[in-house]
Amino acid sequence: MLIAATPAYLPVWTSTCRPDILALTFSLLGLCLFFKGSSISVAASILAFSAAILTKHSFVAAPLSVILWCLLQ
């Protein structure tokens, strides 16, 4: 179903900007794991956020938003 919802130009864009898609995947995985709540998933989210930042240095928004959320709680 997701394949039908993707635009036709997406395969061309992903072949030219591979680090963006991979870093976005790691960032979203980190967010999902963090809000799952268990201590193992929080530790895994730290690894996913680290992989996102190491993949593309500009993907720091998700880890910073989680840190900010933790500080405000």
Protein backbone atom coordinates (compact mmCIF):
# COMPACT_ATOMS: atom_id res chain seq x y z
CA MET A 1 0.00 0.00 0.00
CA LEU A 2 2.87 2.39 0.73
CA ILE A 3 4.38 1.67 -2.66
CA ALA A 4 1.20 2.87 -4.34
CA ALA A 5 1.29 6.10 -2.30
CA THR A 6 4.86 7.04 -3.23
CA PRO A 7 5.40 9.50 -6.02
CA ALA A 8 6.97 8.42 -9.26
CA TYR A 9 10.05 10.62 -8.76
CA LEU A 10 11.00 9.04 -5.43
CA PRO A 11 13.27 6.30 -6.87
CA VAL A 12 15.26 8.93 -8.77
CA TRP A 13 15.64 11.10 -5.67
CA THR A 14 16.65 8.22 -3.40
CA SER A 15 19.40 7.13 -5.74
CA THR A 16 20.94 10.60 -5.60
CA CYS A 17 20.44 11.30 -1.87
CA ARG A 18 20.96 7.97 -0.16
CA PRO A 19 22.28 9.33 3.17
CA ASP A 20 19.12 11.38 3.68
CA ILE A 21 16.76 8.43 3.48
CA LEU A 22 18.97 6.24 5.67
CA ALA A 23 19.39 8.95 8.31
CA LEU A 24 15.65 9.63 8.26
CA THR A 25 14.99 5.93 8.78
CA PHE A 26 17.34 5.83 11.77
CA SER A 27 15.76 8.98 13.23
CA LEU A 28 12.23 7.63 12.93
CA LEU A 29 13.33 4.29 14.35
CA GLY A 30 14.88 6.10 17.30
CA LEU A 31 11.69 8.06 17.95
CA CYS A 32 9.54 4.93 17.78
CA LEU A 33 11.85 3.03 20.10
CA PHE A 34 12.11 5.89 22.58
CA PHE A 35 8.37 6.33 22.96
CA LYS A 36 7.91 2.57 23.36
CA GLY A 37 9.07 3.13 26.92
CA SER A 38 11.07 0.11 28.08
CA SER A 39 14.69 0.51 29.12
CA ILE A 40 15.93 -1.76 26.34
CA SER A 41 14.07 0.22 23.69
CA VAL A 42 15.41 3.50 25.08
CA ALA A 43 18.94 2.12 24.84
CA ALA A 44 18.23 0.98 21.28
CA SER A 45 16.87 4.42 20.44
CA ILE A 46 20.17 5.96 21.54
CA LEU A 47 21.95 3.66 19.10
CA ALA A 48 19.50 4.55 16.33
CA PHE A 49 19.94 8.29 16.97
CA SER A 50 23.71 7.85 16.95
CA ALA A 51 23.53 6.01 13.65
CA ALA A 52 21.37 8.79 12.19
CA ILE A 53 23.83 11.47 13.25
CA LEU A 54 26.80 9.46 12.00
CA THR A 55 25.03 8.85 8.69
CA LYS A 56 24.23 12.51 8.09
CA HIS A 57 25.38 15.17 10.52
CA SER A 58 22.41 17.46 9.96
CA PHE A 59 19.93 14.94 11.42
CA VAL A 60 20.15 16.12 15.01
CA ALA A 61 16.57 17.37 15.35
CA ALA A 62 15.05 14.10 16.55
CA PRO A 63 17.64 13.44 19.28
CA LEU A 64 17.47 17.07 20.41
CA SER A 65 13.68 16.93 20.58
CA VAL A 66 13.85 13.81 22.74
CA ILE A 67 16.39 15.48 25.05
CA LEU A 68 14.19 18.56 25.29
CA TRP A 69 11.14 16.42 26.00
CA CYS A 70 13.04 14.60 28.79
CA LEU A 71 14.14 17.89 30.31
CA LEU A 72 10.60 19.27 30.33
CA GLN A 73 9.14 16.17 31.99
